[in-house]
Amino acid sequence: MDLFQFCRELPKVELHAHLNGSLSKSTMLLLKRLNADSGIKDETNTFMDEFVMGAGDTRSLSENPENLIISRLIISINRTMVTAECDAITDLAIEYHKKYPDIVVGIELSGNPIVGEFQNFLPALTRARDAGLKVSLHCGEVRNPKEVLDMINFKPERLGHGVCIHPKFGGTQETWQALCNSLIPVELCLTSNVNTKSVSGYESHHFKELYEAGIPVIINTDDKGVFATSLSQEYMLCAETFHLEKEQIARLALSACQYIFDTECRDTVKTKVLEFMNKHYICSY
């Protein structure tokens, strides 16, 4: 089996995908049309058919009755929000987590990294965490060592991107040591970081530094519609760029399962990955 087919068939978990950035151009045009025709019930299933397996593979959801995609929601607080908006989003996240704990599982902070102060969002994030929601923070997208340290010290369940943490990428020895000590898993988005010029190219991506230091890393798409990528493609790019064997790629997928916020979902996906590894005689450790 070649690398492309292997990455395509490997069960994978996407932990960093913004819904508004994951729509294809054709889906957005369709939604625009449906909005223009509001009041007319859509029974065509075209919305479902547009989304494909593996965050970009070639099979549609309607062709897969075996529940091969399992989805959970993380509610986003945008850094541009004022306190009232932030509180309102947090209230909704808590309300719907209580109503649907198996659907709404977390809250995250994202948006323009040069807007807003992390400390201003701490009350809302703390309130959400106290209510049982897991926390993910977009961290180190630009050079800001103080904020990176504050975010790591908050001890979120996951960090997003994590570019400017290692000294080589605009972080400091203090921020790097803090991450190494915390072992907080980092959601990496290779194509996104290359396209947004956060890194100069795939070969210079900080995956290498984090992976070799033993920091838990998860491969993601970020915005698969915007960046015209898929989760399978991101795994393949990672393998080709950093010369990873199929066994290492499979173990990355298995490791990612540990950081799914929903426990039941975590066990289900882990079982699927292990079954794939056993089928292909890949040791899980």
C-alpha atoms as a PDB file:
ATOM      1  CA  MET A   1       0.000   0.000   0.000  1.00  0.00           C
ATOM      2  CA  ASP A   2       1.476   3.369  -0.995  1.00  0.00           C
ATOM      3  CA  LEU A   3       1.668   6.300   1.406  1.00  0.00           C
ATOM      4  CA  PHE A   4      -1.318   8.145  -0.061  1.00  0.00           C
ATOM      5  CA  GLN A   5      -3.612   5.147   0.254  1.00  0.00           C
ATOM      6  CA  PHE A   6      -2.297   4.400   3.727  1.00  0.00           C
ATOM      7  CA  CYS A   7      -3.002   7.949   4.968  1.00  0.00           C
ATOM      8  CA  ARG A   8      -6.415   7.907   3.335  1.00  0.00           C
ATOM      9  CA  GLU A   9      -7.502   4.637   4.939  1.00  0.00           C
ATOM     10  CA  LEU A  10      -5.961   5.340   8.338  1.00  0.00           C
ATOM     11  CA  PRO A  11      -8.707   6.304  10.847  1.00  0.00           C
ATOM     12  CA  LYS A  12      -7.873   9.813  12.021  1.00  0.00           C
ATOM     13  CA  VAL A  13      -9.078  12.430  14.451  1.00  0.00           C
ATOM     14  CA  GLU A  14      -9.406  16.117  13.577  1.00  0.00           C
ATOM     15  CA  LEU A  15      -9.211  18.279  16.691  1.00  0.00           C
ATOM     16  CA  HIS A  16      -8.714  21.702  15.116  1.00  0.00           C
ATOM     17  CA  ALA A  17     -11.239  22.470  12.373  1.00  0.00           C
ATOM     18  CA  HIS A  18     -13.217  25.702  12.248  1.00  0.00           C
ATOM     19  CA  LEU A  19     -16.631  25.037  10.759  1.00  0.00           C
ATOM     20  CA  ASN A  20     -16.749  28.330   8.883  1.00  0.00           C
ATOM     21  CA  GLY A  21     -13.393  27.561   7.270  1.00  0.00           C
ATOM     22  CA  SER A  22     -14.214  23.955   6.434  1.00  0.00           C
ATOM     23  CA  LEU A  23     -16.927  24.666   3.879  1.00  0.00           C
ATOM     24  CA  SER A  24     -16.023  24.237   0.235  1.00  0.00           C
ATOM     25  CA  LYS A  25     -16.721  27.001  -2.262  1.00  0.00           C
ATOM     26  CA  SER A  26     -19.612  25.047  -3.766  1.00  0.00           C
ATOM     27  CA  THR A  27     -21.174  24.553  -0.336  1.00  0.00           C
ATOM     28  CA  MET A  28     -20.917  28.241   0.465  1.00  0.00           C
ATOM     29  CA  LEU A  29     -22.599  29.089  -2.838  1.00  0.00           C
ATOM     30  CA  LEU A  30     -25.313  26.587  -2.054  1.00  0.00           C
ATOM     31  CA  LEU A  31     -25.883  28.036   1.413  1.00  0.00           C
ATOM     32  CA  LYS A  32     -26.067  31.495  -0.096  1.00  0.00           C
ATOM     33  CA  ARG A  33     -28.742  30.265  -2.480  1.00  0.00           C
ATOM     34  CA  LEU A  34     -30.669  28.585   0.308  1.00  0.00           C
ATOM     35  CA  ASN A  35     -30.552  31.728   2.400  1.00  0.00           C
ATOM     36  CA  ALA A  36     -31.906  33.679  -0.558  1.00  0.00           C
ATOM     37  CA  ASP A  37     -34.745  31.213  -0.764  1.00  0.00           C
ATOM     38  CA  SER A  38     -35.423  31.159   2.960  1.00  0.00           C
ATOM     39  CA  GLY A  39     -38.691  29.554   3.906  1.00  0.00           C
ATOM     40  CA  ILE A  40     -38.359  26.771   1.344  1.00  0.00           C
ATOM     41  CA  LYS A  41     -37.536  23.470   2.979  1.00  0.00           C
ATOM     42  CA  ASP A  42     -34.480  21.779   1.511  1.00  0.00           C
ATOM     43  CA  GLU A  43     -34.928  18.031   1.062  1.00  0.00           C
ATOM     44  CA  THR A  44     -32.131  17.431  -1.442  1.00  0.00           C
ATOM     45  CA  ASN A  45     -29.396  16.331   0.995  1.00  0.00           C
ATOM     46  CA  THR A  46     -26.932  18.406  -1.047  1.00  0.00           C
ATOM     47  CA  PHE A  47     -25.520  19.932   2.119  1.00  0.00           C
ATOM     48  CA  MET A  48     -24.725  16.475   3.499  1.00  0.00           C
ATOM     49  CA  ASP A  49     -23.326  15.222   0.195  1.00  0.00           C
ATOM     50  CA  GLU A  50     -20.854  18.094  -0.010  1.00  0.00           C
ATOM     51  CA  PHE A  51     -19.026  16.970   3.112  1.00  0.00           C
ATOM     52  CA  VAL A  52     -16.675  14.076   2.564  1.00  0.00           C
ATOM     53  CA  MET A  53     -14.977  11.398   4.567  1.00  0.00           C
ATOM     54  CA  GLY A  54     -11.717  12.057   6.367  1.00  0.00           C
ATOM     55  CA  ALA A  55     -12.153  15.838   6.105  1.00  0.00           C
ATOM     56  CA  GLY A  56     -11.545  15.841   2.381  1.00  0.00           C
ATOM     57  CA  ASP A  57     -11.419  12.263   1.117  1.00  0.00           C
ATOM     58  CA  THR A  58     -13.597  11.142  -1.753  1.00  0.00           C
ATOM     59  CA  ARG A  59     -16.523   9.434  -0.042  1.00  0.00           C
ATOM     60  CA  SER A  60     -19.566  11.396   1.092  1.00  0.00           C
ATOM     61  CA  LEU A  61     -21.356  11.038   4.401  1.00  0.00           C
ATOM     62  CA  SER A  62     -24.480   9.700   2.719  1.00  0.00           C
ATOM     63  CA  GLU A  63     -22.452   6.780   1.339  1.00  0.00           C
ATOM     64  CA  ASN A  64     -21.311   5.754   4.816  1.00  0.00           C
ATOM     65  CA  PRO A  65     -24.146   4.491   6.996  1.00  0.00           C
ATOM     66  CA  GLU A  66     -21.729   2.996   9.536  1.00  0.00           C
ATOM     67  CA  ASN A  67     -21.158   6.247  11.450  1.00  0.00           C
ATOM     68  CA  LEU A  68     -17.561   6.561  10.292  1.00  0.00           C
ATOM     69  CA  ILE A  69     -17.534  10.238  11.214  1.00  0.00           C
ATOM     70  CA  ILE A  70     -18.104  11.179  14.841  1.00  0.00           C
ATOM     71  CA  SER A  71     -18.449  14.894  15.571  1.00  0.00           C
ATOM     72  CA  ARG A  72     -18.376  17.012  18.698  1.00  0.00           C
ATOM     73  CA  LEU A  73     -18.578  20.796  19.048  1.00  0.00           C
ATOM     74  CA  ILE A  74     -16.230  23.279  20.686  1.00  0.00           C
ATOM     75  CA  ILE A  75     -17.669  26.768  21.102  1.00  0.00           C
ATOM     76  CA  SER A  76     -15.405  29.641  20.049  1.00  0.00           C
ATOM     77  CA  ILE A  77     -14.722  32.899  21.818  1.00  0.00           C
ATOM     78  CA  ASN A  78     -13.243  35.373  19.346  1.00  0.00           C
ATOM     79  CA  ARG A  79     -10.521  37.712  20.576  1.00  0.00           C
ATOM     80  CA  THR A  80     -12.365  40.661  19.026  1.00  0.00           C
ATOM     81  CA  MET A  81     -15.302  40.190  21.404  1.00  0.00           C
ATOM     82  CA  VAL A  82     -16.031  42.661  24.176  1.00  0.00           C
ATOM     83  CA  THR A  83     -16.784  41.343  27.655  1.00  0.00           C
ATOM     84  CA  ALA A  84     -20.575  41.257  27.169  1.00  0.00           C
ATOM     85  CA  GLU A  85     -20.259  39.205  23.983  1.00  0.00           C
ATOM     86  CA  CYS A  86     -17.729  36.898  25.578  1.00  0.00           C
ATOM     87  CA  ASP A  87     -20.022  36.314  28.560  1.00  0.00           C
ATOM     88  CA  ALA A  88     -22.991  35.639  26.276  1.00  0.00           C
ATOM     89  CA  ILE A  89     -21.050  33.024  24.282  1.00  0.00           C
ATOM     90  CA  THR A  90     -19.861  31.407  27.510  1.00  0.00           C
ATOM     91  CA  ASP A  91     -23.426  31.308  28.865  1.00  0.00           C
ATOM     92  CA  LEU A  92     -24.582  29.553  25.703  1.00  0.00           C
ATOM     93  CA  ALA A  93     -21.685  27.101  25.807  1.00  0.00           C
ATOM     94  CA  ILE A  94     -22.474  26.176  29.413  1.00  0.00           C
ATOM     95  CA  GLU A  95     -26.214  25.959  28.733  1.00  0.00           C
ATOM     96  CA  TYR A  96     -25.816  23.622  25.777  1.00  0.00           C
ATOM     97  CA  HIS A  97     -23.108  21.584  27.451  1.00  0.00           C
ATOM     98  CA  LYS A  98     -25.565  20.881  30.254  1.00  0.00           C
ATOM     99  CA  LYS A  99     -28.330  19.997  27.768  1.00  0.00           C
ATOM    100  CA  TYR A 100     -26.127  18.045  25.360  1.00  0.00           C
ATOM    101  CA  PRO A 101     -22.916  17.021  27.150  1.00  0.00           C
ATOM    102  CA  ASP A 102     -22.177  14.459  24.442  1.00  0.00           C
ATOM    103  CA  ILE A 103     -22.262  17.154  21.735  1.00  0.00           C
ATOM    104  CA  VAL A 104     -20.925  20.412  23.195  1.00  0.00           C
ATOM    105  CA  VAL A 105     -17.692  19.385  24.896  1.00  0.00           C
ATOM    106  CA  GLY A 106     -15.400  22.395  25.001  1.00  0.00           C
ATOM    107  CA  ILE A 107     -14.680  26.077  24.590  1.00  0.00           C
ATOM    108  CA  GLU A 108     -11.794  27.750  22.824  1.00  0.00           C
ATOM    109  CA  LEU A 109     -10.177  31.152  22.336  1.00  0.00           C
ATOM    110  CA  SER A 110      -9.190  32.068  18.786  1.00  0.00           C
ATOM    111  CA  GLY A 111      -9.233  34.913  16.293  1.00  0.00           C
ATOM    112  CA  ASN A 112      -6.776  37.646  15.393  1.00  0.00           C
ATOM    113  CA  PRO A 113      -3.809  36.991  17.717  1.00  0.00           C
ATOM    114  CA  ILE A 114      -2.797  40.646  17.891  1.00  0.00           C
ATOM    115  CA  VAL A 115      -6.228  41.726  19.138  1.00  0.00           C
ATOM    116  CA  GLY A 116      -7.299  41.545  22.792  1.00  0.00           C
ATOM    117  CA  GLU A 117      -5.496  40.531  25.965  1.00  0.00           C
ATOM    118  CA  PHE A 118      -5.617  36.925  27.153  1.00  0.00           C
ATOM    119  CA  GLN A 119      -6.140  38.030  30.747  1.00  0.00           C
ATOM    120  CA  ASN A 120      -9.426  39.673  29.769  1.00  0.00           C
ATOM    121  CA  PHE A 121     -10.845  36.294  28.729  1.00  0.00           C
ATOM    122  CA  LEU A 122      -9.754  34.404  31.831  1.00  0.00           C
ATOM    123  CA  PRO A 123     -12.999  34.938  33.827  1.00  0.00           C
ATOM    124  CA  ALA A 124     -15.134  33.479  31.017  1.00  0.00           C
ATOM    125  CA  LEU A 125     -12.758  30.606  30.329  1.00  0.00           C
ATOM    126  CA  THR A 126     -12.519  29.786  34.031  1.00  0.00           C
ATOM    127  CA  ARG A 127     -16.297  29.842  34.375  1.00  0.00           C
ATOM    128  CA  ALA A 128     -16.645  27.488  31.416  1.00  0.00           C
ATOM    129  CA  ARG A 129     -14.023  25.130  32.811  1.00  0.00           C
ATOM    130  CA  ASP A 130     -15.748  25.101  36.211  1.00  0.00           C
ATOM    131  CA  ALA A 131     -18.959  24.104  34.418  1.00  0.00           C
ATOM    132  CA  GLY A 132     -17.244  21.050  32.966  1.00  0.00           C
ATOM    133  CA  LEU A 133     -16.140  22.277  29.536  1.00  0.00           C
ATOM    134  CA  LYS A 134     -12.647  21.445  28.285  1.00  0.00           C
ATOM    135  CA  VAL A 135     -10.476  24.326  27.077  1.00  0.00           C
ATOM    136  CA  SER A 136      -8.351  24.822  23.965  1.00  0.00           C
ATOM    137  CA  LEU A 137      -6.380  28.012  23.299  1.00  0.00           C
ATOM    138  CA  HIS A 138      -4.894  29.301  20.058  1.00  0.00           C
ATOM    139  CA  CYS A 139      -1.410  30.016  21.335  1.00  0.00           C
ATOM    140  CA  GLY A 140       1.791  31.495  19.963  1.00  0.00           C
ATOM    141  CA  GLU A 141       0.505  32.423  16.520  1.00  0.00           C
ATOM    142  CA  VAL A 142       2.591  35.594  16.827  1.00  0.00           C
ATOM    143  CA  ARG A 143       5.528  36.427  19.065  1.00  0.00           C
ATOM    144  CA  ASN A 144       4.184  37.181  22.548  1.00  0.00           C
ATOM    145  CA  PRO A 145       6.194  35.283  25.200  1.00  0.00           C
ATOM    146  CA  LYS A 146       4.232  36.689  28.139  1.00  0.00           C
ATOM    147  CA  GLU A 147       0.907  35.562  26.716  1.00  0.00           C
ATOM    148  CA  VAL A 148       2.315  32.147  25.814  1.00  0.00           C
ATOM    149  CA  LEU A 149       3.452  31.671  29.419  1.00  0.00           C
ATOM    150  CA  ASP A 150       0.107  32.870  30.767  1.00  0.00           C
ATOM    151  CA  MET A 151      -1.729  30.413  28.499  1.00  0.00           C
ATOM    152  CA  ILE A 152       0.485  27.471  29.443  1.00  0.00           C
ATOM    153  CA  ASN A 153       0.132  28.322  33.131  1.00  0.00           C
ATOM    154  CA  PHE A 154      -3.665  28.299  32.702  1.00  0.00           C
ATOM    155  CA  LYS A 155      -3.227  24.599  31.854  1.00  0.00           C
ATOM    156  CA  PRO A 156      -5.713  24.194  29.017  1.00  0.00           C
ATOM    157  CA  GLU A 157      -6.381  20.689  27.742  1.00  0.00           C
ATOM    158  CA  ARG A 158      -4.926  21.617  24.335  1.00  0.00           C
ATOM    159  CA  LEU A 159      -3.057  24.425  22.579  1.00  0.00           C
ATOM    160  CA  GLY A 160      -3.638  25.443  18.964  1.00  0.00           C
ATOM    161  CA  HIS A 161      -0.795  26.095  16.490  1.00  0.00           C
ATOM    162  CA  GLY A 162       1.968  26.783  19.031  1.00  0.00           C
ATOM    163  CA  VAL A 163       4.268  28.423  16.487  1.00  0.00           C
ATOM    164  CA  CYS A 164       6.139  31.024  18.547  1.00  0.00           C
ATOM    165  CA  ILE A 165       7.049  28.858  21.528  1.00  0.00           C
ATOM    166  CA  HIS A 166      10.380  27.330  20.554  1.00  0.00           C
ATOM    167  CA  PRO A 167      13.247  29.903  20.495  1.00  0.00           C
ATOM    168  CA  LYS A 168      13.872  29.077  16.834  1.00  0.00           C
ATOM    169  CA  PHE A 169      10.396  30.363  15.933  1.00  0.00           C
ATOM    170  CA  GLY A 170      10.146  33.513  18.043  1.00  0.00           C
ATOM    171  CA  GLY A 171       9.635  31.953  21.441  1.00  0.00           C
ATOM    172  CA  THR A 172      12.065  32.016  24.333  1.00  0.00           C
ATOM    173  CA  GLN A 173      13.862  29.387  26.323  1.00  0.00           C
ATOM    174  CA  GLU A 174      11.358  30.060  29.102  1.00  0.00           C
ATOM    175  CA  THR A 175       8.298  29.472  26.905  1.00  0.00           C
ATOM    176  CA  TRP A 176       9.840  26.347  25.403  1.00  0.00           C
ATOM    177  CA  GLN A 177      10.752  24.918  28.799  1.00  0.00           C
ATOM    178  CA  ALA A 178       7.255  25.683  30.090  1.00  0.00           C
ATOM    179  CA  LEU A 179       5.712  23.705  27.223  1.00  0.00           C
ATOM    180  CA  CYS A 180       8.143  20.831  27.671  1.00  0.00           C
ATOM    181  CA  ASN A 181       7.350  20.685  31.388  1.00  0.00           C
ATOM    182  CA  SER A 182       3.584  20.890  30.870  1.00  0.00           C
ATOM    183  CA  LEU A 183       3.384  18.409  27.976  1.00  0.00           C
ATOM    184  CA  ILE A 184       0.154  20.093  26.871  1.00  0.00           C
ATOM    185  CA  PRO A 185      -0.771  18.599  23.472  1.00  0.00           C
ATOM    186  CA  VAL A 186      -0.464  20.971  20.521  1.00  0.00           C
ATOM    187  CA  GLU A 187      -2.859  20.991  17.558  1.00  0.00           C
ATOM    188  CA  LEU A 188      -0.614  21.475  14.508  1.00  0.00           C
ATOM    189  CA  CYS A 189      -1.864  22.731  11.137  1.00  0.00           C
ATOM    190  CA  LEU A 190       0.948  22.473   8.584  1.00  0.00           C
ATOM    191  CA  THR A 191      -0.699  23.801   5.425  1.00  0.00           C
ATOM    192  CA  SER A 192      -2.472  26.557   7.347  1.00  0.00           C
ATOM    193  CA  ASN A 193       0.784  27.756   8.887  1.00  0.00           C
ATOM    194  CA  VAL A 194       2.556  27.719   5.526  1.00  0.00           C
ATOM    195  CA  ASN A 195      -0.247  29.600   3.763  1.00  0.00           C
ATOM    196  CA  THR A 196      -0.558  32.233   6.482  1.00  0.00           C
ATOM    197  CA  LYS A 197       3.237  32.694   6.465  1.00  0.00           C
ATOM    198  CA  SER A 198       3.515  31.694  10.110  1.00  0.00           C
ATOM    199  CA  VAL A 199       6.354  29.490   8.883  1.00  0.00           C
ATOM    200  CA  SER A 200       8.362  29.855   5.680  1.00  0.00           C
ATOM    201  CA  GLY A 201       7.664  26.352   4.379  1.00  0.00           C
ATOM    202  CA  TYR A 202       6.794  22.769   5.286  1.00  0.00           C
ATOM    203  CA  GLU A 203      10.440  21.858   5.888  1.00  0.00           C
ATOM    204  CA  SER A 204      10.779  24.643   8.458  1.00  0.00           C
ATOM    205  CA  HIS A 205       7.573  23.812  10.313  1.00  0.00           C
ATOM    206  CA  HIS A 206       7.894  23.465  14.084  1.00  0.00           C
ATOM    207  CA  PHE A 207       6.446  19.934  13.957  1.00  0.00           C
ATOM    208  CA  LYS A 208      10.015  18.613  13.986  1.00  0.00           C
ATOM    209  CA  GLU A 209      11.021  20.399  17.192  1.00  0.00           C
ATOM    210  CA  LEU A 210       7.861  19.440  19.067  1.00  0.00           C
ATOM    211  CA  TYR A 211       7.837  15.845  17.833  1.00  0.00           C
ATOM    212  CA  GLU A 212      11.489  15.224  18.676  1.00  0.00           C
ATOM    213  CA  ALA A 213      11.043  16.793  22.136  1.00  0.00           C
ATOM    214  CA  GLY A 214       8.209  14.397  22.951  1.00  0.00           C
ATOM    215  CA  ILE A 215       5.508  17.078  23.027  1.00  0.00           C
ATOM    216  CA  PRO A 216       2.158  15.462  22.141  1.00  0.00           C
ATOM    217  CA  VAL A 217       1.182  16.684  18.669  1.00  0.00           C
ATOM    218  CA  ILE A 218      -2.014  16.301  16.678  1.00  0.00           C
ATOM    219  CA  ILE A 219      -2.191  16.807  12.896  1.00  0.00           C
ATOM    220  CA  ASN A 220      -5.120  18.942  11.721  1.00  0.00           C
ATOM    221  CA  THR A 221      -6.439  20.939   8.755  1.00  0.00           C
ATOM    222  CA  ASP A 222      -7.564  24.151  10.546  1.00  0.00           C
ATOM    223  CA  ASP A 223      -9.696  25.354   7.594  1.00  0.00           C
ATOM    224  CA  LYS A 224      -9.849  22.649   4.960  1.00  0.00           C
ATOM    225  CA  GLY A 225     -12.090  24.663   2.668  1.00  0.00           C
ATOM    226  CA  VAL A 226      -9.941  27.784   2.825  1.00  0.00           C
ATOM    227  CA  PHE A 227      -6.644  25.945   2.363  1.00  0.00           C
ATOM    228  CA  ALA A 228      -7.933  23.285  -0.051  1.00  0.00           C
ATOM    229  CA  THR A 229      -6.546  20.417   1.994  1.00  0.00           C
ATOM    230  CA  SER A 230      -7.737  17.310   3.801  1.00  0.00           C
ATOM    231  CA  LEU A 231      -6.715  15.460   6.924  1.00  0.00           C
ATOM    232  CA  SER A 232      -5.341  12.619   4.814  1.00  0.00           C
ATOM    233  CA  GLN A 233      -3.280  15.098   2.839  1.00  0.00           C
ATOM    234  CA  GLU A 234      -1.931  16.706   6.009  1.00  0.00           C
ATOM    235  CA  TYR A 235      -0.794  13.311   7.305  1.00  0.00           C
ATOM    236  CA  MET A 236       0.852  12.557   3.974  1.00  0.00           C
ATOM    237  CA  LEU A 237       2.599  15.949   3.872  1.00  0.00           C
ATOM    238  CA  CYS A 238       3.865  15.412   7.390  1.00  0.00           C
ATOM    239  CA  ALA A 239       5.196  11.959   6.524  1.00  0.00           C
ATOM    240  CA  GLU A 240       6.888  13.113   3.327  1.00  0.00           C
ATOM    241  CA  THR A 241       8.360  16.293   4.785  1.00  0.00           C
ATOM    242  CA  PHE A 242       9.773  14.767   7.942  1.00  0.00           C
ATOM    243  CA  HIS A 243      10.533  11.313   6.542  1.00  0.00           C
ATOM    244  CA  LEU A 244       8.172   9.450   8.848  1.00  0.00           C
ATOM    245  CA  GLU A 245       7.468   5.755   8.394  1.00  0.00           C
ATOM    246  CA  LYS A 246       3.914   4.458   8.156  1.00  0.00           C
ATOM    247  CA  GLU A 247       4.263   3.097  11.694  1.00  0.00           C
ATOM    248  CA  GLN A 248       5.080   6.573  13.021  1.00  0.00           C
ATOM    249  CA  ILE A 249       2.135   8.115  11.167  1.00  0.00           C
ATOM    250  CA  ALA A 250      -0.228   5.491  12.581  1.00  0.00           C
ATOM    251  CA  ARG A 251       1.067   6.157  16.093  1.00  0.00           C
ATOM    252  CA  LEU A 252       0.439   9.869  15.616  1.00  0.00           C
ATOM    253  CA  ALA A 253      -3.190   9.036  14.834  1.00  0.00           C
ATOM    254  CA  LEU A 254      -3.393   6.743  17.847  1.00  0.00           C
ATOM    255  CA  SER A 255      -1.828   9.334  20.155  1.00  0.00           C
ATOM    256  CA  ALA A 256      -4.284  11.988  18.974  1.00  0.00           C
ATOM    257  CA  CYS A 257      -7.157   9.876  20.320  1.00  0.00           C
ATOM    258  CA  GLN A 258      -5.988  10.500  23.880  1.00  0.00           C
ATOM    259  CA  TYR A 259      -6.767  14.205  23.542  1.00  0.00           C
ATOM    260  CA  ILE A 260     -10.372  13.974  22.336  1.00  0.00           C
ATOM    261  CA  PHE A 261     -12.481  15.836  24.878  1.00  0.00           C
ATOM    262  CA  ASP A 262     -15.363  13.350  24.904  1.00  0.00           C
ATOM    263  CA  THR A 263     -14.370  10.128  26.680  1.00  0.00           C
ATOM    264  CA  GLU A 264     -16.833   7.847  24.896  1.00  0.00           C
ATOM    265  CA  CYS A 265     -15.809   9.221  21.520  1.00  0.00           C
ATOM    266  CA  ARG A 266     -12.157   8.843  22.505  1.00  0.00           C
ATOM    267  CA  ASP A 267     -12.562   5.136  23.179  1.00  0.00           C
ATOM    268  CA  THR A 268     -14.504   4.545  19.958  1.00  0.00           C
ATOM    269  CA  VAL A 269     -11.961   6.231  17.712  1.00  0.00           C
ATOM    270  CA  LYS A 270      -9.019   4.651  19.524  1.00  0.00           C
ATOM    271  CA  THR A 271     -10.522   1.223  18.904  1.00  0.00           C
ATOM    272  CA  LYS A 272     -10.833   1.970  15.174  1.00  0.00           C
ATOM    273  CA  VAL A 273      -7.215   3.100  14.943  1.00  0.00           C
ATOM    274  CA  LEU A 274      -5.994   0.039  16.849  1.00  0.00           C
ATOM    275  CA  GLU A 275      -8.002  -2.266  14.586  1.00  0.00           C
ATOM    276  CA  PHE A 276      -6.356  -0.647  11.552  1.00  0.00           C
ATOM    277  CA  MET A 277      -2.905  -0.984  13.108  1.00  0.00           C
ATOM    278  CA  ASN A 278      -3.468  -4.633  13.970  1.00  0.00           C
ATOM    279  CA  LYS A 279      -4.723  -5.323  10.455  1.00  0.00           C
ATOM    280  CA  HIS A 280      -1.506  -3.883   9.048  1.00  0.00           C
ATOM    281  CA  TYR A 281       0.749  -5.483  11.678  1.00  0.00           C
ATOM    282  CA  ILE A 282       1.779  -2.174  13.239  1.00  0.00           C
ATOM    283  CA  CYS A 283       2.862  -2.178  16.865  1.00  0.00           C
ATOM    284  CA  SER A 284       0.975   0.387  18.944  1.00  0.00           C
ATOM    285  CA  TYR A 285       4.000   1.337  21.054  1.00  0.00           C
END
